[in-house]
Protein backbone atom coordinates (compact mmCIF):
# COMPACT_ATOMS: atom_id res chain seq x y z
CA ARG A 1 -28.84 -19.11 38.73
CA ARG A 2 -30.53 -21.31 41.23
CA GLY A 3 -31.68 -23.54 38.34
CA LEU A 4 -28.24 -24.22 37.07
CA SER A 5 -26.37 -27.31 38.25
CA THR A 6 -23.11 -27.05 39.94
CA MET A 7 -21.60 -30.64 38.60
CA SER A 8 -19.19 -30.45 36.13
CA LEU A 9 -18.37 -33.83 34.07
CA GLY A 10 -15.04 -32.41 32.60
CA PRO A 11 -12.82 -29.16 32.96
CA LYS A 12 -14.27 -25.88 32.20
CA SER A 13 -13.49 -24.24 28.80
CA PRO A 14 -12.43 -20.79 29.24
CA ALA A 15 -14.11 -19.47 25.91
CA LYS A 16 -17.51 -21.02 27.13
CA ASP A 17 -17.07 -19.39 30.53
CA LYS A 18 -16.08 -15.96 29.40
CA VAL A 19 -19.26 -13.61 29.33
CA PRO A 20 -19.19 -11.22 26.12
CA PRO A 21 -18.81 -7.41 27.01
CA CYS A 22 -22.11 -5.88 27.34
CA ASP A 23 -23.14 -2.22 26.57
CA LEU A 24 -25.36 -1.96 29.61
CA ILE A 25 -24.65 -3.08 33.20
CA SER A 26 -27.81 -3.51 35.23
CA VAL A 27 -27.25 -2.37 38.64
CA SER A 28 -30.26 -4.13 40.06
CA PRO A 29 -32.40 -5.99 37.82
CA CYS A 30 -36.31 -4.75 37.82
CA LEU A 31 -35.74 -2.27 39.99
CA GLN A 32 -33.11 0.23 38.93
CA PRO A 33 -32.61 1.32 34.85
CA CYS A 34 -29.66 0.21 33.17
CA ILE A 35 -26.76 2.43 33.26
CA PRO A 36 -24.59 2.78 30.17
CA ARG A 37 -21.24 1.86 30.36
CA THR A 38 -18.83 4.64 29.50
CA GLY A 39 -17.80 5.19 25.78
CA ALA A 40 -20.85 2.55 24.90
CA SER A 41 -23.32 3.28 22.16
CA PRO A 42 -26.96 3.91 23.21
CA PRO A 43 -29.22 1.05 22.84
CA ARG A 44 -31.39 0.89 19.81
CA SER A 45 -34.79 2.13 20.10
CA LEU A 46 -37.37 -0.53 18.48
CA SER A 47 -40.37 1.82 18.73
CA LEU A 48 -42.22 2.96 15.44
CA THR A 49 -44.13 6.18 15.02
CA ALA A 50 -46.99 6.10 12.60
CA ASN A 51 -45.09 8.62 10.20
CA SER A 52 -41.43 7.93 10.72
CA PRO A 53 -39.32 5.35 9.13
CA SER A 54 -37.46 2.88 10.96
CA SER A 55 -33.51 2.12 10.51
CA ASP A 56 -34.47 -0.70 8.47
CA GLY A 57 -36.15 1.71 6.02
CA TYR A 58 -39.71 0.37 7.13
CA THR A 59 -42.30 3.39 7.19
CA GLY A 60 -45.20 2.93 9.46
CA ARG A 61 -48.87 3.52 8.15
CA ARG A 62 -50.23 6.96 8.44
CA TYR A 63 -53.17 6.90 10.12
CA LYS A 64 -56.01 8.23 7.79
CA LEU A 65 -58.72 10.68 9.20
CA LYS A 66 -62.11 9.07 8.21
CA VAL A 67 -65.63 10.80 9.07
CA VAL A 68 -68.52 8.60 9.59
CA THR A 69 -72.30 9.38 10.44
CA GLY A 70 -75.73 8.22 11.08
CA ASN A 71 -79.23 9.53 10.07
CA SER A 72 -79.60 12.22 12.71
CA ASN A 73 -77.73 15.11 11.22
CA VAL A 74 -76.14 14.29 8.04
CA PRO A 75 -76.10 17.95 6.75
CA LEU A 76 -73.79 18.57 9.71
CA ALA A 77 -71.67 15.59 9.19
CA GLU A 78 -71.13 16.75 5.50
CA ALA A 79 -70.25 20.04 6.33
CA VAL A 80 -67.62 18.88 8.94
CA ALA A 81 -66.19 16.31 6.10
CA LYS A 82 -65.89 19.03 3.49
CA ARG A 83 -64.18 21.64 5.84
CA LEU A 84 -61.70 18.54 6.42
CA GLY A 85 -61.16 18.07 2.88
CA ALA A 86 -62.44 14.70 3.30
CA ASP A 87 -65.44 12.59 2.03
CA LEU A 88 -67.92 10.80 4.29
CA THR A 89 -67.17 6.97 4.59
CA PRO A 90 -69.75 5.09 2.71
CA THR A 91 -71.98 3.46 5.43
CA ARG A 92 -75.54 1.55 5.24
CA VAL A 93 -77.55 2.53 8.09
CA GLY A 94 -81.10 1.44 7.85
CA GLN A 95 -83.81 -0.52 9.45
CA PHE A 96 -84.94 -4.08 9.25
CA ALA A 97 -88.81 -4.78 8.66
CA ASN A 98 -89.09 -4.99 12.16
CA GLY A 99 -87.36 -1.97 13.32
CA GLU A 100 -83.82 -3.32 14.14
CA ILE A 101 -80.86 -1.05 12.83
CA ASP A 102 -79.08 -2.68 10.13
CA ILE A 103 -75.50 -1.03 9.85
CA LYS A 104 -72.53 -1.76 7.43
CA ILE A 105 -69.30 0.15 6.74
CA LEU A 106 -69.01 0.06 2.98
CA GLY A 107 -65.24 1.16 3.26
CA ASN A 108 -62.07 -0.07 4.53
CA VAL A 109 -61.44 1.63 8.10
CA ARG A 110 -58.52 -0.74 9.27
CA GLY A 111 -56.17 1.16 11.07
CA ASP A 112 -57.81 4.59 10.58
CA ASP A 113 -58.61 7.36 13.11
CA VAL A 114 -62.37 7.50 12.70
CA PHE A 115 -64.74 10.39 13.99
CA ILE A 116 -68.51 9.61 14.12
CA VAL A 117 -70.72 12.79 13.69
CA GLN A 118 -73.87 11.48 15.31
CA PRO A 119 -75.78 14.23 17.74
CA THR A 120 -78.30 12.16 19.81
CA CYS A 121 -81.52 13.97 18.59
CA GLY A 122 -84.58 13.50 16.77
CA GLY A 123 -85.34 15.13 13.21
CA ASP A 124 -87.49 14.46 10.30
CA THR A 125 -86.86 10.96 9.51
CA ILE A 126 -85.64 9.61 12.96
CA ASP A 127 -86.24 9.60 16.62
CA LEU A 128 -83.86 10.50 19.62
CA ASN A 129 -83.65 6.63 20.86
CA THR A 130 -82.86 5.55 17.32
CA SER A 131 -79.99 7.87 16.78
CA VAL A 132 -78.77 6.89 20.30
CA MET A 133 -78.81 3.12 18.98
CA GLU A 134 -77.36 4.08 15.74
CA LEU A 135 -74.19 5.56 17.49
CA LEU A 136 -73.58 2.87 19.91
CA LEU A 137 -74.04 0.48 16.81
CA LEU A 138 -71.59 2.39 14.75
CA ILE A 139 -68.97 2.47 17.45
CA HIS A 140 -69.44 -1.10 18.20
CA THR A 141 -69.02 -1.98 14.40
CA LEU A 142 -65.75 0.14 13.71
CA ARG A 143 -64.33 -1.42 16.78
CA LEU A 144 -64.96 -4.95 15.14
CA ALA A 145 -63.60 -3.43 11.77
CA SER A 146 -60.14 -2.71 13.35
CA ALA A 147 -60.70 0.86 13.36
CA LYS A 148 -57.11 2.33 15.37
CA ARG A 149 -58.97 5.17 17.12
CA ILE A 150 -63.07 6.10 17.42
CA THR A 151 -64.05 9.30 18.45
CA ALA A 152 -67.75 10.07 19.16
CA VAL A 153 -68.61 13.57 18.12
CA VAL A 154 -71.76 14.17 20.14
CA PRO A 155 -72.81 17.89 19.56
CA HIS A 156 -76.14 17.30 21.46
CA PHE A 157 -75.84 14.72 24.24
CA ALA A 158 -79.22 13.30 24.89
CA TYR A 159 -80.55 12.69 28.64
CA ALA A 160 -78.25 15.10 29.98
CA ARG A 161 -80.92 16.70 31.67
CA GLN A 162 -81.16 13.75 33.99
CA ASP A 163 -77.66 14.45 35.70
CA ARG A 164 -78.79 13.53 39.19
CA LYS A 165 -81.48 12.06 41.25
CA THR A 166 -83.78 14.88 42.27
CA GLU A 167 -86.46 12.61 43.83
CA ALA A 168 -86.87 8.97 44.81
CA ARG A 169 -87.22 6.01 42.23
CA VAL A 170 -85.66 8.09 39.13
CA PRO A 171 -82.54 7.50 37.14
CA ILE A 172 -79.46 9.35 36.67
CA SER A 173 -79.89 8.99 32.92
CA ALA A 174 -76.76 10.85 31.90
CA SER A 175 -74.45 8.43 33.62
CA ALA A 176 -76.42 5.44 31.76
CA MET A 177 -75.55 7.28 28.40
CA ALA A 178 -71.93 7.57 29.53
CA GLN A 179 -71.73 3.90 30.61
CA LEU A 180 -73.32 2.66 27.55
CA LEU A 181 -70.80 4.67 25.17
CA MET A 182 -67.77 3.41 27.26
CA ALA A 183 -69.12 -0.36 26.90
CA MET A 184 -68.69 0.19 23.30
CA SER A 185 -65.03 1.19 23.92
CA VAL A 186 -65.43 4.52 22.43
CA ASP A 187 -61.98 6.24 22.94
CA ARG A 188 -62.91 9.61 23.05
CA VAL A 189 -66.15 11.82 23.14
CA VAL A 190 -66.41 15.32 21.69
CA THR A 191 -69.69 17.43 22.61
CA VAL A 192 -70.98 21.08 22.84
CA ASP A 193 -72.07 22.86 25.65
CA LEU A 194 -72.93 19.94 27.85
CA HIS A 195 -76.10 20.66 30.19
CA CYS A 196 -74.05 20.20 33.03
CA GLY A 197 -70.41 20.14 33.22
CA GLN A 198 -69.93 17.43 35.72
CA ILE A 199 -71.41 15.03 33.47
CA GLN A 200 -67.79 14.49 31.93
CA GLY A 201 -67.31 12.82 35.75
CA PHE A 202 -69.58 9.99 34.26
CA PHE A 203 -66.81 9.02 32.00
CA HIS A 204 -64.32 7.36 34.11
CA ASN A 205 -61.23 6.74 31.98
CA THR A 206 -62.58 8.47 28.62
CA PRO A 207 -61.81 11.93 27.37
CA VAL A 208 -64.46 14.32 26.83
CA ASP A 209 -63.90 17.44 25.31
CA ASN A 210 -66.81 19.83 25.90
CA LEU A 211 -66.40 22.84 23.38
CA TYR A 212 -68.39 26.15 24.05
CA GLY A 213 -71.09 27.78 22.07
CA TYR A 214 -71.29 31.36 23.70
CA PHE A 215 -68.04 32.32 21.65
CA LEU A 216 -70.31 31.76 18.88
CA PHE A 217 -72.94 33.76 19.99
CA ALA A 218 -70.70 36.71 21.52
CA GLU A 219 -69.42 37.32 17.88
CA TYR A 220 -72.66 36.95 16.36
CA PHE A 221 -74.07 39.91 18.83
CA LYS A 222 -70.77 41.75 18.22
CA MET A 223 -71.20 41.97 14.45
CA LYS A 224 -74.35 43.10 14.71
CA TYR A 225 -74.40 45.57 17.36
CA GLY A 226 -70.64 46.34 17.27
CA SER A 227 -69.20 48.45 20.48
CA GLN A 228 -73.27 48.73 21.82
CA THR A 229 -72.97 45.16 23.25
CA SER A 230 -71.66 46.65 26.48
CA GLN A 231 -75.33 47.87 26.87
CA PHE A 232 -76.66 44.47 26.91
CA VAL A 233 -77.68 42.67 30.42
CA ILE A 234 -77.31 38.99 30.02
CA VAL A 235 -79.91 36.95 31.64
CA ALA A 236 -79.68 33.61 33.11
CA PRO A 237 -82.98 31.62 32.86
CA ASP A 238 -82.20 29.65 35.82
CA ALA A 239 -79.63 28.89 38.54
CA GLY A 240 -77.85 26.47 36.20
CA ALA A 241 -77.17 28.91 33.57
CA VAL A 242 -75.54 31.65 35.42
CA GLU A 243 -72.21 30.30 34.68
CA LYS A 244 -72.97 30.58 30.90
CA ALA A 245 -74.39 34.00 31.27
CA ARG A 246 -71.20 35.18 33.00
CA ASN A 247 -68.93 33.94 30.36
CA LEU A 248 -70.85 35.21 27.64
CA ALA A 249 -71.21 38.62 29.46
CA ASP A 250 -67.24 38.66 29.70
CA LYS A 251 -67.20 38.28 25.73
CA LEU A 252 -69.47 41.13 25.24
CA ALA A 253 -68.39 43.50 27.80
CA ALA A 254 -72.03 43.54 29.11
CA SER A 255 -73.32 45.73 32.00
CA HIS A 256 -74.36 43.29 34.38
CA VAL A 257 -75.98 39.75 34.84
CA VAL A 258 -79.38 39.09 36.16
CA THR A 259 -80.83 35.93 37.00
CA ILE A 260 -84.67 34.46 36.98
CA LEU A 261 -85.81 32.28 39.85
CA LYS A 262 -88.11 29.72 38.70
CA ARG A 263 -90.51 27.30 40.62
CA ARG A 264 -91.35 24.20 38.37
CA VAL A 265 -94.18 21.86 39.25
CA GLU A 266 -93.45 19.31 36.77
CA LYS A 267 -91.24 18.74 33.62
CA ASN A 268 -91.37 21.44 31.08
CA LYS A 269 -94.10 23.52 33.34
CA VAL A 270 -93.11 26.32 35.47
CA ASP A 271 -95.25 27.67 38.64
CA SER A 272 -93.77 31.16 39.27
CA MET A 273 -90.71 33.54 38.35
CA GLN A 274 -89.01 36.24 39.72
CA ILE A 275 -86.21 38.54 38.49
CA VAL A 276 -82.96 39.20 40.53
CA GLY A 277 -81.26 41.89 39.42
CA ASP A 278 -82.33 45.38 37.44
CA VAL A 279 -83.25 45.18 33.86
CA SER A 280 -85.20 48.59 33.34
CA GLY A 281 -84.21 50.38 30.06
CA ARG A 282 -82.13 47.86 28.78
CA ALA A 283 -81.97 45.38 26.20
CA CYS A 284 -81.22 41.92 27.37
CA ILE A 285 -79.92 38.49 25.92
CA ILE A 286 -81.55 35.20 27.61
CA VAL A 287 -78.79 32.68 27.33
CA ASP A 288 -79.15 28.85 27.98
CA ASP A 289 -77.87 25.48 26.62
CA MET A 290 -81.15 24.25 25.41
CA ILE A 291 -84.64 25.37 24.53
CA ASP A 292 -87.65 22.60 23.90
CA THR A 293 -91.14 23.30 24.10
CA GLY A 294 -90.44 27.31 24.74
CA GLY A 295 -92.73 27.82 27.31
CA THR A 296 -90.41 28.85 30.04
CA MET A 297 -88.64 31.31 27.45
CA VAL A 298 -91.71 32.81 26.63
CA LYS A 299 -92.65 33.40 30.28
CA GLY A 300 -89.09 34.82 30.71
CA VAL A 301 -89.36 37.14 27.96
CA ASP A 302 -92.89 38.39 29.23
CA LEU A 303 -91.32 38.90 32.79
CA LEU A 304 -88.52 40.80 31.26
CA LYS A 305 -90.66 43.16 29.48
CA GLU A 306 -93.09 43.75 32.35
CA HIS A 307 -89.70 44.86 34.42
CA GLY A 308 -89.11 47.34 31.81
CA ALA A 309 -86.54 45.50 29.37
CA THR A 310 -86.54 47.25 25.65
CA ASP A 311 -85.62 44.54 23.37
CA VAL A 312 -85.03 40.90 24.14
CA TYR A 313 -82.97 38.36 22.42
CA ALA A 314 -82.43 34.70 23.36
CA CYS A 315 -79.64 32.16 22.35
CA CYS A 316 -79.45 28.64 22.85
CA THR A 317 -77.30 26.11 21.80
CA HIS A 318 -79.43 23.45 21.16
CA GLY A 319 -82.65 24.14 19.57
CA ILE A 320 -84.88 21.18 20.42
CA LEU A 321 -87.88 23.12 19.65
CA SER A 322 -90.49 20.41 20.07
CA ASP A 323 -93.98 21.33 19.06
CA PRO A 324 -95.50 23.98 20.12
CA ALA A 325 -92.21 25.85 20.62
CA CYS A 326 -92.25 27.17 17.35
CA ASP A 327 -95.63 28.58 17.64
CA ARG A 328 -94.99 30.20 21.06
CA LEU A 329 -92.04 32.03 19.96
CA ASN A 330 -94.09 33.30 16.99
CA ALA A 331 -96.54 34.73 19.32
CA CYS A 332 -94.25 36.29 21.84
CA ASP A 333 -94.06 39.72 20.83
CA GLY A 334 -91.27 40.63 22.98
CA LEU A 335 -88.71 38.52 21.58
CA LYS A 336 -86.68 39.87 18.95
CA GLU A 337 -84.46 36.80 17.68
CA MET A 338 -83.89 33.31 18.84
CA VAL A 339 -80.28 32.39 17.69
CA VAL A 340 -79.49 28.27 17.85
CA THR A 341 -76.90 26.47 16.21
CA ASP A 342 -77.33 23.27 13.94
CA SER A 343 -76.31 20.67 16.45
CA ILE A 344 -79.93 19.66 15.59
CA PRO A 345 -81.33 19.90 12.25
CA GLN A 346 -83.23 23.31 11.94
CA GLY A 347 -84.63 23.32 8.39
CA ARG A 348 -88.12 22.45 9.26
CA ASN A 349 -87.99 24.73 12.39
CA GLN A 350 -86.44 27.78 10.38
CA ALA A 351 -89.42 27.37 7.96
CA LYS A 352 -92.04 27.65 10.76
CA CYS A 353 -90.30 30.52 12.80
CA PRO A 354 -88.90 33.54 10.87
CA LYS A 355 -87.28 34.71 14.55
CA LEU A 356 -84.99 31.48 14.11
CA LYS A 357 -81.22 32.60 13.38
CA VAL A 358 -79.01 29.13 12.92
CA ILE A 359 -75.14 29.44 13.33
CA SER A 360 -73.19 26.21 12.10
CA LEU A 361 -71.11 24.51 14.09
CA ALA A 362 -69.14 22.74 11.52
CA PRO A 363 -66.35 25.27 11.20
CA LEU A 364 -65.73 24.55 15.15
CA LEU A 365 -66.11 20.80 14.91
CA ALA A 366 -64.07 20.54 11.91
CA LYS A 367 -61.02 22.23 13.72
CA ALA A 368 -61.66 20.28 16.87
CA VAL A 369 -61.35 17.03 14.76
CA GLN A 370 -58.27 18.15 12.99
CA SER A 371 -56.84 19.14 16.28
CA ILE A 372 -57.65 15.92 18.13
CA HIS A 373 -56.14 13.94 14.60
CA GLU A 374 -52.91 15.84 14.74
CA GLU A 375 -52.79 15.71 18.63
CA THR A 376 -52.34 19.48 19.21
CA SER A 377 -54.13 21.59 21.42
CA LEU A 378 -57.98 22.34 21.54
CA ALA A 379 -57.60 25.42 23.81
CA SER A 380 -56.05 27.50 20.99
CA LEU A 381 -59.86 27.26 19.78
CA PHE A 382 -61.08 29.57 22.64
CA LYS A 383 -58.03 31.58 23.91
CA ALA A 384 -58.77 34.70 21.86
CA THR A 385 -60.20 37.30 24.01
CA THR A 386 -60.74 40.25 21.48
CA VAL A 387 -60.10 38.50 18.00
CA PRO A 388 -62.06 35.31 17.41
CA SER A 389 -60.59 32.56 16.17
CA THR A 390 -61.00 31.49 12.56
CA PRO A 391 -63.62 28.87 13.10
CA VAL A 392 -65.76 31.32 14.94
CA LYS A 393 -65.32 33.87 12.29
CA GLU A 394 -66.18 31.24 9.66
CA ALA A 395 -69.40 30.16 11.56
CA ILE A 396 -70.61 33.46 12.00
CA GLY A 397 -69.66 34.45 8.30
CA SER A 398 -72.15 31.67 7.14
CA LEU A 399 -75.09 33.82 7.95
CA ASN A 400 -74.30 35.67 4.79
CA GLY A 401 -73.20 38.96 6.36
CA ILE A 402 -75.01 40.88 9.65
CA PRO A 403 -76.04 44.35 9.21
CA GLN A 404 -75.27 46.49 11.95
CA GLN A 405 -78.29 47.64 14.23
CA THR A 406 -79.27 49.80 16.82
CA LEU A 407 -80.48 49.17 20.08
CA LEU A 408 -83.53 50.82 20.56
CA GLY A 409 -84.03 52.49 23.98
CA ALA A 410 -80.62 51.31 25.45
CA LEU A 411 -78.99 53.74 27.74
CA PRO A 412 -76.12 55.74 26.66
């Protein structure tokens, strides 16, 4: 009241000085909450949700779910959209004559909840770095188009192997990828089996949902071998895969977990390997988050066979399978099957490698997208310990039936 004048030019009017009664009495402005007067009606709320009508009869706009994709894995994006009962939002993603990426969203996305299904990987028509650039520009374009919320669904997160400095003058590329996504103002990131879980910490204020692929592999082997899965030995091909191996062993009730220690001399080249644990007379499953050229995998299989393993299987979430991976897997007599997901397109690899089995991520990703859109818990996808969740059963069922088989040479 310091700004009010204390001078009066005439007699005060009682009507003007009389303060009208208020329903709220402020105890201490800006510091304490207002206390309702006894018998007073509660203050009117001015907030509106997206789906609930106000007292004036206004109904807020429902945030529509939209699915957008680039060129890295169109079949996976189409499968996710189909399971959600939606169509892919028409989008033009091409290139100019000089190689620059040309993007235009051909449909209205103003105020929509948009999910970009774009694994950062190479394929038949696109290379890895182009897929990364497409993802960044799609996020930027949708932000300029006034999308309400933008979620990047990146099943395969590129550059994840470079998650720390292992020597002088090298980049932390995983951190750079996270910073690029945050710079584009993405609201959320969904991925599958990050190479290292701590990569989520590179996204400072952006939520990251890291889904697990070992649930799919566990149900695959359960449907194929039934109660015999307890006879498996789960093998971690390096120290970083020990947690994945332990989780898969728990799901399969496997006998035990062993580790392969390896010494690398350079990228994709291993100097020596040794086994910590016993695999004699046992069937083994090697589990990892990705397989690239396959050299380390083949050496691991040969090492297990030398130590008395009967059958050797392998499962990797991301089948990069750079040349000559398929040739190496075909030539490896000790490997019975290589099970991967379709986080990276596998059509060409399946034609080249009969040992390759592909499990679709579409049911799992579709359920995750639906849960995020409806703001329900994602934990329900992975809570089941004995009965697999519906997305997991649908993913395994996509293999058109798995005949029951018997483990050769397994201990009773």
